[in-house]
Amino acid sequence: MMRLRRSTRAKPSKKKKSESVFDLGSLNTALKSTSVHANG
């Protein structure tokens, strides 16, 4: 999480917005997948 945040911060603000949202979505999906796997 920290590494990802640092990477996005270093990038331009223009790309930061789109990448930020994309990263959040990806993280959410990954978390959901992990949750399902752990529960299953």
C-alpha atoms as a PDB file:
ATOM      1  CA  MET A   1       0.000   0.000   0.000  1.00  0.00           C
ATOM      2  CA  MET A   2       2.708   2.459   0.992  1.00  0.00           C
ATOM      3  CA  ARG A   3       4.775   1.701  -2.113  1.00  0.00           C
ATOM      4  CA  LEU A   4       1.770   2.180  -4.384  1.00  0.00           C
ATOM      5  CA  ARG A   5       0.928   5.493  -2.735  1.00  0.00           C
ATOM      6  CA  ARG A   6       4.495   6.733  -3.124  1.00  0.00           C
ATOM      7  CA  SER A   7       4.494   5.763  -6.802  1.00  0.00           C
ATOM      8  CA  THR A   8       1.264   7.619  -7.505  1.00  0.00           C
ATOM      9  CA  ARG A   9       2.543  10.667  -5.608  1.00  0.00           C
ATOM     10  CA  ALA A  10       5.708  10.814  -7.684  1.00  0.00           C
ATOM     11  CA  LYS A  11       3.654  10.725 -10.884  1.00  0.00           C
ATOM     12  CA  PRO A  12       2.104  13.905 -12.376  1.00  0.00           C
ATOM     13  CA  SER A  13      -1.136  15.136 -10.831  1.00  0.00           C
ATOM     14  CA  LYS A  14      -2.891  14.795 -14.192  1.00  0.00           C
ATOM     15  CA  LYS A  15      -2.278  11.052 -14.273  1.00  0.00           C
ATOM     16  CA  LYS A  16      -2.587  10.773 -10.490  1.00  0.00           C
ATOM     17  CA  LYS A  17      -6.370  11.190 -10.590  1.00  0.00           C
ATOM     18  CA  SER A  18      -7.018   8.453 -13.158  1.00  0.00           C
ATOM     19  CA  GLU A  19      -4.338   6.140 -11.754  1.00  0.00           C
ATOM     20  CA  SER A  20      -5.589   6.768  -8.226  1.00  0.00           C
ATOM     21  CA  VAL A  21      -9.097   5.629  -9.108  1.00  0.00           C
ATOM     22  CA  PHE A  22      -7.792   2.696 -11.107  1.00  0.00           C
ATOM     23  CA  ASP A  23      -5.496   1.618  -8.262  1.00  0.00           C
ATOM     24  CA  LEU A  24      -8.351   1.858  -5.788  1.00  0.00           C
ATOM     25  CA  GLY A  25     -10.562  -0.289  -7.988  1.00  0.00           C
ATOM     26  CA  SER A  26      -7.825  -2.846  -8.503  1.00  0.00           C
ATOM     27  CA  LEU A  27      -7.078  -2.950  -4.783  1.00  0.00           C
ATOM     28  CA  ASN A  28     -10.769  -3.343  -3.992  1.00  0.00           C
ATOM     29  CA  THR A  29     -11.095  -6.213  -6.465  1.00  0.00           C
ATOM     30  CA  ALA A  30      -7.953  -7.848  -5.116  1.00  0.00           C
ATOM     31  CA  LEU A  31      -9.225  -7.501  -1.553  1.00  0.00           C
ATOM     32  CA  LYS A  32     -12.583  -8.984  -2.513  1.00  0.00           C
ATOM     33  CA  SER A  33     -10.892 -11.891  -4.285  1.00  0.00           C
ATOM     34  CA  THR A  34      -8.661 -12.540  -1.273  1.00  0.00           C
ATOM     35  CA  SER A  35     -11.652 -12.324   1.053  1.00  0.00           C
ATOM     36  CA  VAL A  36     -13.611 -14.827  -1.025  1.00  0.00           C
ATOM     37  CA  HIS A  37     -10.633 -17.168  -1.156  1.00  0.00           C
ATOM     38  CA  ALA A  38     -10.065 -16.885   2.587  1.00  0.00           C
ATOM     39  CA  ASN A  39     -13.746 -17.446   3.348  1.00  0.00           C
ATOM     40  CA  GLY A  40     -14.053 -20.250   0.814  1.00  0.00           C
END
